[in-house]
Structure formats: C-alpha cells, structure tokens
PDB file of N, CA and C in Angstrom:
ATOM      1  N   UNK A   1       9.058   7.836  25.037  1.00  0.00           N
ATOM      2  CA  UNK A   1       9.403   6.654  24.270  1.00  0.00           C
ATOM      3  C   UNK A   1       9.787   5.551  25.245  1.00  0.00           C
ATOM      4  N   UNK A   2       9.383   4.349  24.913  1.00  0.00           N
ATOM      5  CA  UNK A   2       9.693   3.184  25.727  1.00  0.00           C
ATOM      6  C   UNK A   2      10.314   2.123  24.831  1.00  0.00           C
ATOM      7  N   UNK A   3      11.390   1.528  25.287  1.00  0.00           N
ATOM      8  CA  UNK A   3      12.004   0.422  24.560  1.00  0.00           C
ATOM      9  C   UNK A   3      11.631  -0.857  25.284  1.00  0.00           C
ATOM     10  N   UNK A   4      11.020  -1.774  24.557  1.00  0.00           N
ATOM     11  CA  UNK A   4      10.557  -3.028  25.151  1.00  0.00           C
ATOM     12  C   UNK A   4      10.652  -4.144  24.119  1.00  0.00           C
ATOM     13  N   UNK A   5      10.869  -5.345  24.595  1.00  0.00           N
ATOM     14  CA  UNK A   5      10.833  -6.500  23.713  1.00  0.00           C
ATOM     15  C   UNK A   5       9.385  -6.821  23.377  1.00  0.00           C
ATOM     16  N   UNK A   6       9.163  -7.184  22.129  1.00  0.00           N
ATOM     17  CA  UNK A   6       7.837  -7.586  21.665  1.00  0.00           C
ATOM     18  C   UNK A   6       7.971  -8.926  20.956  1.00  0.00           C
ATOM     19  N   UNK A   7       6.937  -9.741  21.059  1.00  0.00           N
ATOM     20  CA  UNK A   7       6.919 -10.984  20.304  1.00  0.00           C
ATOM     21  C   UNK A   7       6.726 -10.632  18.831  1.00  0.00           C
ATOM     22  N   UNK A   8       7.489 -11.284  17.977  1.00  0.00           N
ATOM     23  CA  UNK A   8       7.430 -10.995  16.542  1.00  0.00           C
ATOM     24  C   UNK A   8       6.016 -11.208  16.008  1.00  0.00           C
ATOM     25  N   UNK A   9       5.339 -12.243  16.502  1.00  0.00           N
ATOM     26  CA  UNK A   9       3.994 -12.518  15.976  1.00  0.00           C
ATOM     27  C   UNK A   9       2.944 -11.518  16.460  1.00  0.00           C
ATOM     28  N   UNK A  10       3.313 -10.606  17.376  1.00  0.00           N
ATOM     29  CA  UNK A  10       2.404  -9.541  17.806  1.00  0.00           C
ATOM     30  C   UNK A  10       2.497  -8.313  16.897  1.00  0.00           C
ATOM     31  N   UNK A  11       3.570  -8.221  16.123  1.00  0.00           N
ATOM     32  CA  UNK A  11       3.789  -7.049  15.272  1.00  0.00           C
ATOM     33  C   UNK A  11       2.969  -7.158  13.996  1.00  0.00           C
ATOM     34  N   UNK A  12       2.515  -5.994  13.525  1.00  0.00           N
ATOM     35  CA  UNK A  12       1.682  -5.952  12.317  1.00  0.00           C
ATOM     36  C   UNK A  12       2.312  -4.984  11.316  1.00  0.00           C
ATOM     37  N   UNK A  13       2.679  -5.470  10.141  1.00  0.00           N
ATOM     38  CA  UNK A  13       3.213  -4.552   9.131  1.00  0.00           C
ATOM     39  C   UNK A  13       2.170  -3.501   8.746  1.00  0.00           C
ATOM     40  N   UNK A  14       2.631  -2.296   8.515  1.00  0.00           N
ATOM     41  CA  UNK A  14       1.758  -1.220   8.049  1.00  0.00           C
ATOM     42  C   UNK A  14       1.354  -1.536   6.621  1.00  0.00           C
ATOM     43  N   UNK A  15       0.067  -1.642   6.376  1.00  0.00           N
ATOM     44  CA  UNK A  15      -0.413  -2.098   5.062  1.00  0.00           C
ATOM     45  C   UNK A  15      -0.098  -1.133   3.930  1.00  0.00           C
ATOM     46  N   UNK A  16       0.130   0.139   4.243  1.00  0.00           N
ATOM     47  CA  UNK A  16       0.459   1.119   3.205  1.00  0.00           C
ATOM     48  C   UNK A  16       1.937   1.483   3.192  1.00  0.00           C
ATOM     49  N   UNK A  17       2.774   0.589   3.691  1.00  0.00           N
ATOM     50  CA  UNK A  17       4.207   0.835   3.677  1.00  0.00           C
ATOM     51  C   UNK A  17       4.649   1.088   2.234  1.00  0.00           C
ATOM     52  N   UNK A  18       5.242   2.250   1.958  1.00  0.00           N
ATOM     53  CA  UNK A  18       5.594   2.583   0.573  1.00  0.00           C
ATOM     54  C   UNK A  18       6.852   1.891   0.062  1.00  0.00           C
ATOM     55  N   UNK A  19       7.619   1.292   0.942  1.00  0.00           N
ATOM     56  CA  UNK A  19       8.896   0.696   0.527  1.00  0.00           C
ATOM     57  C   UNK A  19       8.753  -0.790   0.257  1.00  0.00           C
ATOM     58  N   UNK A  20       9.485  -1.233  -0.748  1.00  0.00           N
ATOM     59  CA  UNK A  20       9.573  -2.656  -1.057  1.00  0.00           C
ATOM     60  C   UNK A  20      11.047  -3.029  -0.991  1.00  0.00           C
ATOM     61  N   UNK A  21      11.482  -3.462   0.191  1.00  0.00           N
ATOM     62  CA  UNK A  21      12.887  -3.786   0.411  1.00  0.00           C
ATOM     63  C   UNK A  21      13.125  -5.284   0.535  1.00  0.00           C
ATOM     64  N   UNK A  22      12.302  -6.071  -0.117  1.00  0.00           N
ATOM     65  CA  UNK A  22      12.436  -7.521   0.001  1.00  0.00           C
ATOM     66  C   UNK A  22      13.816  -8.012  -0.418  1.00  0.00           C
ATOM     67  N   UNK A  23      14.458  -7.322  -1.349  1.00  0.00           N
ATOM     68  CA  UNK A  23      15.795  -7.729  -1.792  1.00  0.00           C
ATOM     69  C   UNK A  23      16.843  -7.528  -0.698  1.00  0.00           C
ATOM     70  N   UNK A  24      16.557  -6.700   0.291  1.00  0.00           N
ATOM     71  CA  UNK A  24      17.513  -6.403   1.361  1.00  0.00           C
ATOM     72  C   UNK A  24      17.347  -7.307   2.577  1.00  0.00           C
ATOM     73  N   UNK A  25      16.306  -8.114   2.626  1.00  0.00           N
ATOM     74  CA  UNK A  25      16.011  -8.921   3.816  1.00  0.00           C
ATOM     75  C   UNK A  25      17.172  -9.853   4.143  1.00  0.00           C
ATOM     76  N   UNK A  26      17.720 -10.520   3.165  1.00  0.00           N
ATOM     77  CA  UNK A  26      18.823 -11.457   3.410  1.00  0.00           C
ATOM     78  C   UNK A  26      20.043 -10.742   3.982  1.00  0.00           C
ATOM     79  N   UNK A  27      20.373  -9.580   3.445  1.00  0.00           N
ATOM     80  CA  UNK A  27      21.519  -8.807   3.955  1.00  0.00           C
ATOM     81  C   UNK A  27      21.279  -8.352   5.384  1.00  0.00           C
ATOM     82  N   UNK A  28      20.076  -7.905   5.672  1.00  0.00           N
ATOM     83  CA  UNK A  28      19.753  -7.467   7.030  1.00  0.00           C
ATOM     84  C   UNK A  28      19.782  -8.661   7.980  1.00  0.00           C
ATOM     85  N   UNK A  29      19.279  -9.796   7.546  1.00  0.00           N
ATOM     86  CA  UNK A  29      19.324 -11.006   8.376  1.00  0.00           C
ATOM     87  C   UNK A  29      20.773 -11.392   8.678  1.00  0.00           C
ATOM     88  N   UNK A  30      21.640 -11.304   7.681  1.00  0.00           N
ATOM     89  CA  UNK A  30      23.056 -11.603   7.902  1.00  0.00           C
ATOM     90  C   UNK A  30      23.672 -10.629   8.893  1.00  0.00           C
ATOM     91  N   UNK A  31      23.313  -9.365   8.812  1.00  0.00           N
ATOM     92  CA  UNK A  31      23.816  -8.361   9.741  1.00  0.00           C
ATOM     93  C   UNK A  31      23.344  -8.646  11.171  1.00  0.00           C
ATOM     94  N   UNK A  32      22.083  -8.994  11.315  1.00  0.00           N
ATOM     95  CA  UNK A  32      21.550  -9.324  12.644  1.00  0.00           C
ATOM     96  C   UNK A  32      22.250 -10.564  13.180  1.00  0.00           C
ATOM     97  N   UNK A  33      22.472 -11.535  12.329  1.00  0.00           N
ATOM     98  CA  UNK A  33      23.148 -12.773  12.738  1.00  0.00           C
ATOM     99  C   UNK A  33      24.570 -12.474  13.218  1.00  0.00           C
ATOM    100  N   UNK A  34      25.259 -11.587  12.498  1.00  0.00           N
ATOM    101  CA  UNK A  34      26.654 -11.291  12.803  1.00  0.00           C
ATOM    102  C   UNK A  34      26.814 -10.321  13.973  1.00  0.00           C
ATOM    103  N   UNK A  35      26.009  -9.267  14.020  1.00  0.00           N
ATOM    104  CA  UNK A  35      26.215  -8.193  14.994  1.00  0.00           C
ATOM    105  C   UNK A  35      25.134  -8.110  16.064  1.00  0.00           C
ATOM    106  N   UNK A  36      24.059  -8.851  15.892  1.00  0.00           N
ATOM    107  CA  UNK A  36      22.945  -8.753  16.826  1.00  0.00           C
ATOM    108  C   UNK A  36      21.945  -7.706  16.370  1.00  0.00           C
ATOM    109  N   UNK A  37      20.896  -7.594  17.126  1.00  0.00           N
ATOM    110  CA  UNK A  37      19.805  -6.669  16.801  1.00  0.00           C
ATOM    111  C   UNK A  37      20.129  -5.325  17.421  1.00  0.00           C
ATOM    112  N   UNK A  38      20.577  -4.356  16.625  1.00  0.00           N
ATOM    113  CA  UNK A  38      21.067  -3.077  17.132  1.00  0.00           C
ATOM    114  C   UNK A  38      20.071  -1.928  17.008  1.00  0.00           C
ATOM    115  N   UNK A  39      19.200  -1.974  16.022  1.00  0.00           N
ATOM    116  CA  UNK A  39      18.250  -0.885  15.780  1.00  0.00           C
ATOM    117  C   UNK A  39      16.840  -1.432  16.004  1.00  0.00           C
ATOM    118  N   UNK A  40      16.083  -0.812  16.902  1.00  0.00           N
ATOM    119  CA  UNK A  40      14.755  -1.352  17.199  1.00  0.00           C
ATOM    120  C   UNK A  40      13.760  -1.141  16.059  1.00  0.00           C
ATOM    121  N   UNK A  41      12.728  -1.953  16.082  1.00  0.00           N
ATOM    122  CA  UNK A  41      11.581  -1.766  15.210  1.00  0.00           C
ATOM    123  C   UNK A  41      10.630  -0.830  15.961  1.00  0.00           C
ATOM    124  N   UNK A  42      10.202   0.223  15.314  1.00  0.00           N
ATOM    125  CA  UNK A  42       9.312   1.196  15.952  1.00  0.00           C
ATOM    126  C   UNK A  42       7.873   0.836  15.607  1.00  0.00           C
ATOM    127  N   UNK A  43       7.038   0.728  16.660  1.00  0.00           N
ATOM    128  CA  UNK A  43       5.629   0.398  16.464  1.00  0.00           C
ATOM    129  C   UNK A  43       4.755   1.447  17.147  1.00  0.00           C
ATOM    130  N   UNK A  44       3.518   1.529  16.703  1.00  0.00           N
ATOM    131  CA  UNK A  44       2.574   2.426  17.370  1.00  0.00           C
ATOM    132  C   UNK A  44       1.882   1.681  18.517  1.00  0.00           C
ATOM    133  N   UNK A  45       0.911   2.299  19.139  1.00  0.00           N
ATOM    134  CA  UNK A  45       0.250   1.702  20.304  1.00  0.00           C
ATOM    135  C   UNK A  45      -0.512   0.423  19.975  1.00  0.00           C
ATOM    136  N   UNK A  46      -0.771   0.193  18.683  1.00  0.00           N
ATOM    137  CA  UNK A  46      -1.474  -1.015  18.241  1.00  0.00           C
ATOM    138  C   UNK A  46      -0.530  -2.073  17.688  1.00  0.00           C
ATOM    139  N   UNK A  47       0.782  -1.889  17.903  1.00  0.00           N
ATOM    140  CA  UNK A  47       1.835  -2.791  17.412  1.00  0.00           C
ATOM    141  C   UNK A  47       1.954  -2.798  15.888  1.00  0.00           C
ATOM    142  N   UNK A  48       1.469  -1.745  15.238  1.00  0.00           N
ATOM    143  CA  UNK A  48       1.643  -1.604  13.794  1.00  0.00           C
ATOM    144  C   UNK A  48       3.028  -0.996  13.563  1.00  0.00           C
ATOM    145  N   UNK A  49       3.786  -1.592  12.665  1.00  0.00           N
ATOM    146  CA  UNK A  49       5.158  -1.144  12.415  1.00  0.00           C
ATOM    147  C   UNK A  49       5.151   0.223  11.745  1.00  0.00           C
ATOM    148  N   UNK A  50       5.871   1.164  12.360  1.00  0.00           N
ATOM    149  CA  UNK A  50       6.045   2.500  11.802  1.00  0.00           C
ATOM    150  C   UNK A  50       7.312   2.511  10.949  1.00  0.00           C
ATOM    151  N   UNK A  51       8.381   1.953  11.499  1.00  0.00           N
ATOM    152  CA  UNK A  51       9.630   1.824  10.754  1.00  0.00           C
ATOM    153  C   UNK A  51      10.325   0.545  11.191  1.00  0.00           C
ATOM    154  N   UNK A  52      10.882  -0.166  10.225  1.00  0.00           N
ATOM    155  CA  UNK A  52      11.580  -1.406  10.524  1.00  0.00           C
ATOM    156  C   UNK A  52      10.994  -2.631   9.857  1.00  0.00           C
ATOM    157  N   UNK A  53      10.285  -2.433   8.763  1.00  0.00           N
ATOM    158  CA  UNK A  53       9.671  -3.565   8.066  1.00  0.00           C
ATOM    159  C   UNK A  53      10.706  -4.584   7.590  1.00  0.00           C
ATOM    160  N   UNK A  54      11.852  -4.124   7.124  1.00  0.00           N
ATOM    161  CA  UNK A  54      12.886  -5.053   6.649  1.00  0.00           C
ATOM    162  C   UNK A  54      13.491  -5.803   7.822  1.00  0.00           C
ATOM    163  N   UNK A  55      13.715  -5.122   8.945  1.00  0.00           N
ATOM    164  CA  UNK A  55      14.210  -5.802  10.152  1.00  0.00           C
ATOM    165  C   UNK A  55      13.187  -6.828  10.636  1.00  0.00           C
ATOM    166  N   UNK A  56      11.909  -6.488  10.533  1.00  0.00           N
ATOM    167  CA  UNK A  56      10.840  -7.413  10.903  1.00  0.00           C
ATOM    168  C   UNK A  56      10.898  -8.675  10.029  1.00  0.00           C
ATOM    169  N   UNK A  57      10.996  -8.503   8.726  1.00  0.00           N
ATOM    170  CA  UNK A  57      11.056  -9.653   7.813  1.00  0.00           C
ATOM    171  C   UNK A  57      12.308 -10.478   8.054  1.00  0.00           C
ATOM    172  N   UNK A  58      13.432  -9.809   8.314  1.00  0.00           N
ATOM    173  CA  UNK A  58      14.673 -10.521   8.597  1.00  0.00           C
ATOM    174  C   UNK A  58      14.550 -11.312   9.897  1.00  0.00           C
ATOM    175  N   UNK A  59      13.894 -10.735  10.881  1.00  0.00           N
ATOM    176  CA  UNK A  59      13.677 -11.418  12.155  1.00  0.00           C
ATOM    177  C   UNK A  59      12.846 -12.681  11.965  1.00  0.00           C
ATOM    178  N   UNK A  60      11.839 -12.573  11.126  1.00  0.00           N
ATOM    179  CA  UNK A  60      11.002 -13.738  10.836  1.00  0.00           C
ATOM    180  C   UNK A  60      11.823 -14.806  10.120  1.00  0.00           C
ATOM    181  N   UNK A  61      12.657 -14.377   9.165  1.00  0.00           N
ATOM    182  CA  UNK A  61      13.509 -15.316   8.429  1.00  0.00           C
ATOM    183  C   UNK A  61      14.470 -16.041   9.372  1.00  0.00           C
ATOM    184  N   UNK A  62      14.959 -15.323  10.378  1.00  0.00           N
ATOM    185  CA  UNK A  62      15.895 -15.912  11.341  1.00  0.00           C
ATOM    186  C   UNK A  62      15.198 -16.732  12.416  1.00  0.00           C
ATOM    187  N   UNK A  63      13.876 -16.673  12.448  1.00  0.00           N
ATOM    188  CA  UNK A  63      13.126 -17.439  13.439  1.00  0.00           C
ATOM    189  C   UNK A  63      13.171 -16.834  14.839  1.00  0.00           C
ATOM    190  N   UNK A  64      13.432 -15.528  14.913  1.00  0.00           N
ATOM    191  CA  UNK A  64      13.453 -14.867  16.223  1.00  0.00           C
ATOM    192  C   UNK A  64      12.047 -14.839  16.793  1.00  0.00           C
ATOM    193  N   UNK A  65      11.949 -15.025  18.089  1.00  0.00           N
ATOM    194  CA  UNK A  65      10.642 -15.003  18.764  1.00  0.00           C
ATOM    195  C   UNK A  65      10.322 -13.612  19.287  1.00  0.00           C
ATOM    196  N   UNK A  66      11.361 -12.851  19.691  1.00  0.00           N
ATOM    197  CA  UNK A  66      11.186 -11.495  20.210  1.00  0.00           C
ATOM    198  C   UNK A  66      12.202 -10.561  19.579  1.00  0.00           C
ATOM    199  N   UNK A  67      11.790  -9.321  19.454  1.00  0.00           N
ATOM    200  CA  UNK A  67      12.695  -8.270  18.970  1.00  0.00           C
ATOM    201  C   UNK A  67      12.519  -7.050  19.849  1.00  0.00           C
TER     202      UNK A  67
END
C-alpha cells in the first residue's frame, strides 16, 4: 500500500457505488474543515475510488485541489 496525494480532478467515482450518502456530504465537509483530512480516499491503479466517495464529494465542495 502506498499513501500519496492525488489531484481531486484525477479521481474517478466508481460508477456502481452502491451507497448514496449525498445527505452526509455537508457533515463530512464540516469535519474536514474542522479537523483536517484524516482518512484517505482509497483508489485502484486507475484512480477509480474504491472507498471514500463521500470524502471525495466533500473535498470537491470545499474546493480542495489535492487529497
């Protein structure tokens, strides 16, 4: 496993993501704003998001360039 910063616009949401957590995006954005980015977004070798879709959306809402 490697931990690395990625540009948000390089990440691709998994098209078959079974979760719809859009209602949680604002809360997650507030948490990131208050405490920082503590849990990474996990991506595969093609930058497709495996886990962290809500963190990804919150990052976009906050205007973050890298995560």
